[in-house]
Amino acid sequence: MEIETKEETEVIQFVNEHGNTGLKLDLLFFWSKYPYAKFTSGIIARALDCKRKMDMEEALDSFVKASLIEKHTRQGLPFYCLTADPEKRQSILSLSIHRSNFRALCVRG
């Protein structure tokens, strides 16, 4: 039996709170992979192979409300980027560290 680390416990709690759908979980991993970039919802949808624009918009809006990502508008076009909040940013960035054993963490959690 493995002992769960504090960081693993925090990752599980974070994912349970914010990654409660497959799309939201994909978005969390997406932002952990591209923490310094800004994207439109269309580009994000294509990257995640999400065909339903409304689902993508709802997921992005929920992350904006939770202050996990920020929404900026340039020339009338909305762009999204990872939050500047250090604590929330670190929670998302730490997902990439645990990605390979994420399924095992969730099974134990």
N, C-alpha and C. Protein backbone atom coordinates (compact mmCIF):
# COMPACT_ATOMS: atom_id res chain seq x y z
N MET A 1 0.84 -1.19 0.00
CA MET A 1 0.00 0.00 0.00
C MET A 1 0.89 1.25 0.00
N GLU A 2 0.63 2.15 -0.94
CA GLU A 2 1.42 3.37 -1.05
C GLU A 2 0.81 4.46 -0.18
N ILE A 3 1.66 5.30 0.33
CA ILE A 3 1.20 6.43 1.12
C ILE A 3 1.07 7.63 0.20
N GLU A 4 -0.08 8.24 0.23
CA GLU A 4 -0.36 9.39 -0.62
C GLU A 4 0.35 10.62 -0.06
N THR A 5 1.03 11.36 -0.93
CA THR A 5 1.70 12.56 -0.48
C THR A 5 0.68 13.70 -0.37
N LYS A 6 1.08 14.73 0.33
CA LYS A 6 0.22 15.90 0.48
C LYS A 6 -0.09 16.51 -0.89
N GLU A 7 0.92 16.57 -1.75
CA GLU A 7 0.72 17.15 -3.07
C GLU A 7 -0.27 16.32 -3.89
N GLU A 8 -0.15 15.00 -3.81
CA GLU A 8 -1.09 14.13 -4.53
C GLU A 8 -2.51 14.34 -4.04
N THR A 9 -2.67 14.48 -2.74
CA THR A 9 -3.99 14.72 -2.15
C THR A 9 -4.56 16.04 -2.65
N GLU A 10 -3.72 17.07 -2.71
CA GLU A 10 -4.17 18.37 -3.20
C GLU A 10 -4.55 18.31 -4.67
N VAL A 11 -3.79 17.55 -5.47
CA VAL A 11 -4.11 17.40 -6.89
C VAL A 11 -5.47 16.72 -7.04
N ILE A 12 -5.69 15.66 -6.30
CA ILE A 12 -6.97 14.94 -6.37
C ILE A 12 -8.12 15.86 -5.98
N GLN A 13 -7.96 16.61 -4.91
CA GLN A 13 -9.01 17.54 -4.47
C GLN A 13 -9.27 18.61 -5.53
N PHE A 14 -8.22 19.15 -6.10
CA PHE A 14 -8.35 20.17 -7.12
C PHE A 14 -9.10 19.64 -8.33
N VAL A 15 -8.72 18.45 -8.78
CA VAL A 15 -9.37 17.86 -9.95
C VAL A 15 -10.82 17.51 -9.65
N ASN A 16 -11.09 17.00 -8.47
CA ASN A 16 -12.48 16.70 -8.10
C ASN A 16 -13.34 17.95 -8.09
N GLU A 17 -12.75 19.07 -7.70
CA GLU A 17 -13.50 20.32 -7.64
C GLU A 17 -13.67 20.96 -9.02
N HIS A 18 -12.63 20.95 -9.83
CA HIS A 18 -12.67 21.71 -11.08
C HIS A 18 -12.71 20.86 -12.35
N GLY A 19 -12.31 19.61 -12.27
CA GLY A 19 -12.26 18.75 -13.45
C GLY A 19 -13.37 17.72 -13.43
N ASN A 20 -14.58 18.17 -13.13
CA ASN A 20 -15.70 17.24 -12.92
C ASN A 20 -16.35 16.75 -14.20
N THR A 21 -15.84 17.14 -15.37
CA THR A 21 -16.28 16.56 -16.64
C THR A 21 -15.03 16.24 -17.45
N GLY A 22 -15.19 15.41 -18.44
CA GLY A 22 -14.05 15.07 -19.28
C GLY A 22 -13.46 16.29 -19.96
N LEU A 23 -14.34 17.19 -20.43
CA LEU A 23 -13.87 18.40 -21.10
C LEU A 23 -13.11 19.30 -20.14
N LYS A 24 -13.62 19.48 -18.94
CA LYS A 24 -12.93 20.32 -17.96
C LYS A 24 -11.58 19.73 -17.57
N LEU A 25 -11.53 18.42 -17.44
CA LEU A 25 -10.25 17.78 -17.14
C LEU A 25 -9.27 17.98 -18.29
N ASP A 26 -9.75 17.83 -19.51
CA ASP A 26 -8.91 18.09 -20.69
C ASP A 26 -8.42 19.53 -20.69
N LEU A 27 -9.29 20.47 -20.32
CA LEU A 27 -8.90 21.88 -20.27
C LEU A 27 -7.82 22.13 -19.21
N LEU A 28 -7.95 21.49 -18.07
CA LEU A 28 -6.93 21.65 -17.03
C LEU A 28 -5.58 21.17 -17.53
N PHE A 29 -5.55 20.01 -18.19
CA PHE A 29 -4.28 19.51 -18.74
C PHE A 29 -3.79 20.40 -19.87
N PHE A 30 -4.71 20.95 -20.67
CA PHE A 30 -4.35 21.87 -21.74
C PHE A 30 -3.62 23.08 -21.17
N TRP A 31 -4.18 23.69 -20.11
CA TRP A 31 -3.54 24.87 -19.54
C TRP A 31 -2.24 24.52 -18.84
N SER A 32 -2.11 23.30 -18.32
CA SER A 32 -0.83 22.93 -17.71
C SER A 32 0.26 22.77 -18.78
N LYS A 33 -0.17 22.47 -19.99
CA LYS A 33 0.78 22.32 -21.10
C LYS A 33 1.16 23.66 -21.74
N TYR A 34 0.22 24.62 -21.74
CA TYR A 34 0.43 25.92 -22.38
C TYR A 34 0.17 27.07 -21.39
N PRO A 35 0.97 27.17 -20.33
CA PRO A 35 0.67 28.13 -19.27
C PRO A 35 0.91 29.60 -19.63
N TYR A 36 1.63 29.87 -20.71
CA TYR A 36 1.95 31.26 -21.05
C TYR A 36 1.28 31.76 -22.32
N ALA A 37 0.41 30.94 -22.89
CA ALA A 37 -0.21 31.29 -24.16
C ALA A 37 -1.62 31.84 -23.97
N LYS A 38 -2.08 32.56 -25.01
CA LYS A 38 -3.47 33.03 -25.07
C LYS A 38 -4.10 32.41 -26.30
N PHE A 39 -5.32 31.91 -26.13
CA PHE A 39 -6.02 31.24 -27.22
C PHE A 39 -7.47 31.68 -27.28
N THR A 40 -8.05 31.60 -28.47
CA THR A 40 -9.50 31.79 -28.61
C THR A 40 -10.18 30.47 -28.25
N SER A 41 -11.47 30.54 -27.98
CA SER A 41 -12.19 29.30 -27.66
C SER A 41 -12.19 28.34 -28.85
N GLY A 42 -12.21 28.87 -30.06
CA GLY A 42 -12.18 28.02 -31.24
C GLY A 42 -10.89 27.23 -31.37
N ILE A 43 -9.78 27.87 -31.09
CA ILE A 43 -8.49 27.18 -31.16
C ILE A 43 -8.41 26.11 -30.07
N ILE A 44 -8.88 26.45 -28.88
CA ILE A 44 -8.87 25.47 -27.79
C ILE A 44 -9.77 24.28 -28.15
N ALA A 45 -10.95 24.57 -28.70
CA ALA A 45 -11.88 23.49 -29.08
C ALA A 45 -11.24 22.56 -30.12
N ARG A 46 -10.56 23.13 -31.09
CA ARG A 46 -9.88 22.29 -32.10
C ARG A 46 -8.77 21.47 -31.48
N ALA A 47 -8.01 22.08 -30.59
CA ALA A 47 -6.90 21.36 -29.94
C ALA A 47 -7.41 20.18 -29.12
N LEU A 48 -8.60 20.34 -28.53
CA LEU A 48 -9.16 19.28 -27.69
C LEU A 48 -10.18 18.43 -28.44
N ASP A 49 -10.34 18.69 -29.73
CA ASP A 49 -11.29 17.96 -30.57
C ASP A 49 -12.71 18.01 -29.99
N CYS A 50 -13.09 19.20 -29.54
CA CYS A 50 -14.43 19.42 -28.99
C CYS A 50 -15.31 19.99 -30.10
N LYS A 51 -16.31 19.25 -30.49
CA LYS A 51 -17.19 19.65 -31.60
C LYS A 51 -18.34 20.55 -31.14
N ARG A 52 -18.63 20.55 -29.85
CA ARG A 52 -19.77 21.32 -29.35
C ARG A 52 -19.30 22.64 -28.76
N LYS A 53 -19.50 23.70 -29.52
CA LYS A 53 -19.04 25.04 -29.12
C LYS A 53 -19.64 25.46 -27.77
N MET A 54 -20.90 25.14 -27.56
CA MET A 54 -21.57 25.54 -26.31
C MET A 54 -20.91 24.88 -25.10
N ASP A 55 -20.54 23.61 -25.24
CA ASP A 55 -19.87 22.92 -24.14
C ASP A 55 -18.54 23.60 -23.80
N MET A 56 -17.80 23.96 -24.84
CA MET A 56 -16.52 24.62 -24.63
C MET A 56 -16.72 25.98 -23.95
N GLU A 57 -17.68 26.75 -24.44
CA GLU A 57 -17.94 28.07 -23.85
C GLU A 57 -18.35 27.95 -22.37
N GLU A 58 -19.18 26.97 -22.05
CA GLU A 58 -19.62 26.78 -20.66
C GLU A 58 -18.44 26.39 -19.77
N ALA A 59 -17.60 25.49 -20.26
CA ALA A 59 -16.43 25.07 -19.48
C ALA A 59 -15.47 26.24 -19.26
N LEU A 60 -15.20 27.00 -20.31
CA LEU A 60 -14.32 28.17 -20.17
C LEU A 60 -14.92 29.19 -19.22
N ASP A 61 -16.21 29.46 -19.35
CA ASP A 61 -16.87 30.42 -18.45
C ASP A 61 -16.78 29.97 -16.99
N SER A 62 -16.94 28.67 -16.75
CA SER A 62 -16.86 28.18 -15.37
C SER A 62 -15.44 28.36 -14.81
N PHE A 63 -14.43 28.20 -15.66
CA PHE A 63 -13.05 28.41 -15.22
C PHE A 63 -12.77 29.90 -15.00
N VAL A 64 -13.37 30.76 -15.81
CA VAL A 64 -13.21 32.21 -15.61
C VAL A 64 -13.85 32.59 -14.27
N LYS A 65 -15.04 32.07 -14.00
CA LYS A 65 -15.72 32.38 -12.73
C LYS A 65 -14.94 31.87 -11.53
N ALA A 66 -14.25 30.74 -11.70
CA ALA A 66 -13.43 30.17 -10.62
C ALA A 66 -12.04 30.80 -10.57
N SER A 67 -11.79 31.77 -11.44
CA SER A 67 -10.49 32.48 -11.53
C SER A 67 -9.34 31.54 -11.84
N LEU A 68 -9.60 30.47 -12.59
CA LEU A 68 -8.54 29.57 -13.03
C LEU A 68 -7.92 30.07 -14.32
N ILE A 69 -8.73 30.72 -15.15
CA ILE A 69 -8.24 31.34 -16.37
C ILE A 69 -8.79 32.76 -16.43
N GLU A 70 -8.19 33.54 -17.29
CA GLU A 70 -8.63 34.92 -17.48
C GLU A 70 -9.11 35.09 -18.91
N LYS A 71 -10.11 35.95 -19.07
CA LYS A 71 -10.66 36.25 -20.39
C LYS A 71 -10.31 37.69 -20.73
N HIS A 72 -9.68 37.86 -21.88
CA HIS A 72 -9.31 39.18 -22.38
C HIS A 72 -9.93 39.36 -23.76
N THR A 73 -10.24 40.58 -24.10
CA THR A 73 -10.81 40.85 -25.42
C THR A 73 -9.88 41.78 -26.18
N ARG A 74 -9.57 41.39 -27.41
CA ARG A 74 -8.73 42.20 -28.28
C ARG A 74 -9.44 42.32 -29.63
N GLN A 75 -9.74 43.52 -30.02
CA GLN A 75 -10.44 43.81 -31.28
C GLN A 75 -11.75 43.02 -31.35
N GLY A 76 -12.43 42.95 -30.23
CA GLY A 76 -13.73 42.28 -30.16
C GLY A 76 -13.68 40.77 -30.09
N LEU A 77 -12.50 40.19 -30.06
CA LEU A 77 -12.34 38.74 -30.03
C LEU A 77 -11.84 38.30 -28.65
N PRO A 78 -12.57 37.40 -27.98
CA PRO A 78 -12.13 36.95 -26.66
C PRO A 78 -10.96 35.96 -26.74
N PHE A 79 -10.00 36.17 -25.87
CA PHE A 79 -8.86 35.28 -25.71
C PHE A 79 -8.82 34.80 -24.27
N TYR A 80 -8.32 33.60 -24.08
CA TYR A 80 -8.24 33.03 -22.74
C TYR A 80 -6.79 32.70 -22.42
N CYS A 81 -6.42 32.87 -21.16
CA CYS A 81 -5.07 32.51 -20.71
C CYS A 81 -5.16 32.02 -19.26
N LEU A 82 -4.13 31.33 -18.85
CA LEU A 82 -4.07 30.84 -17.48
C LEU A 82 -4.01 32.01 -16.50
N THR A 83 -4.61 31.84 -15.36
CA THR A 83 -4.64 32.88 -14.34
C THR A 83 -3.24 33.33 -13.93
N ALA A 84 -3.15 34.55 -13.45
CA ALA A 84 -1.89 35.06 -12.91
C ALA A 84 -1.80 34.78 -11.41
N ASP A 85 -2.91 34.32 -10.79
CA ASP A 85 -2.93 34.00 -9.37
C ASP A 85 -1.94 32.86 -9.10
N PRO A 86 -0.90 33.11 -8.30
CA PRO A 86 0.16 32.12 -8.12
C PRO A 86 -0.33 30.77 -7.57
N GLU A 87 -1.22 30.78 -6.61
CA GLU A 87 -1.68 29.54 -6.00
C GLU A 87 -2.50 28.70 -6.99
N LYS A 88 -3.43 29.34 -7.66
CA LYS A 88 -4.26 28.62 -8.63
C LYS A 88 -3.43 28.17 -9.83
N ARG A 89 -2.53 29.02 -10.23
CA ARG A 89 -1.64 28.68 -11.35
C ARG A 89 -0.81 27.44 -11.01
N GLN A 90 -0.26 27.41 -9.81
CA GLN A 90 0.55 26.27 -9.39
C GLN A 90 -0.28 25.00 -9.32
N SER A 91 -1.53 25.10 -8.90
CA SER A 91 -2.40 23.92 -8.85
C SER A 91 -2.56 23.32 -10.24
N ILE A 92 -2.71 24.16 -11.24
CA ILE A 92 -2.87 23.68 -12.62
C ILE A 92 -1.53 23.15 -13.15
N LEU A 93 -0.45 23.86 -12.90
CA LEU A 93 0.85 23.43 -13.40
C LEU A 93 1.28 22.10 -12.77
N SER A 94 0.88 21.85 -11.54
CA SER A 94 1.28 20.60 -10.89
C SER A 94 0.57 19.39 -11.49
N LEU A 95 -0.49 19.60 -12.24
CA LEU A 95 -1.19 18.48 -12.88
C LEU A 95 -0.27 17.74 -13.85
N SER A 96 0.57 18.47 -14.56
CA SER A 96 1.45 17.82 -15.54
C SER A 96 2.46 16.90 -14.86
N ILE A 97 2.84 17.21 -13.65
CA ILE A 97 3.78 16.37 -12.91
C ILE A 97 3.14 15.02 -12.60
N HIS A 98 1.84 15.03 -12.34
CA HIS A 98 1.14 13.81 -11.92
C HIS A 98 0.36 13.16 -13.05
N ARG A 99 0.48 13.67 -14.25
CA ARG A 99 -0.33 13.16 -15.36
C ARG A 99 -0.13 11.66 -15.60
N SER A 100 1.11 11.20 -15.55
CA SER A 100 1.38 9.79 -15.86
C SER A 100 0.75 8.84 -14.85
N ASN A 101 0.65 9.26 -13.60
CA ASN A 101 0.05 8.38 -12.61
C ASN A 101 -1.29 8.91 -12.12
N PHE A 102 -1.92 9.77 -12.94
CA PHE A 102 -3.15 10.41 -12.51
C PHE A 102 -4.28 9.41 -12.28
N ARG A 103 -4.42 8.44 -13.14
CA ARG A 103 -5.49 7.45 -12.98
C ARG A 103 -5.35 6.71 -11.66
N ALA A 104 -4.12 6.34 -11.31
CA ALA A 104 -3.89 5.65 -10.05
C ALA A 104 -4.23 6.54 -8.87
N LEU A 105 -3.91 7.82 -8.97
CA LEU A 105 -4.24 8.76 -7.89
C LEU A 105 -5.76 8.85 -7.70
N CYS A 106 -6.50 8.91 -8.80
CA CYS A 106 -7.96 9.03 -8.71
C CYS A 106 -8.59 7.76 -8.16
N VAL A 107 -8.03 6.61 -8.52
CA VAL A 107 -8.56 5.35 -8.01
C VAL A 107 -8.39 5.27 -6.51
N ARG A 108 -7.23 5.72 -6.04
CA ARG A 108 -6.97 5.70 -4.58
C ARG A 108 -7.79 6.76 -3.87
N GLY A 109 -8.06 7.89 -4.56
CA GLY A 109 -8.72 9.04 -3.95
C GLY A 109 -10.14 8.89 -3.80
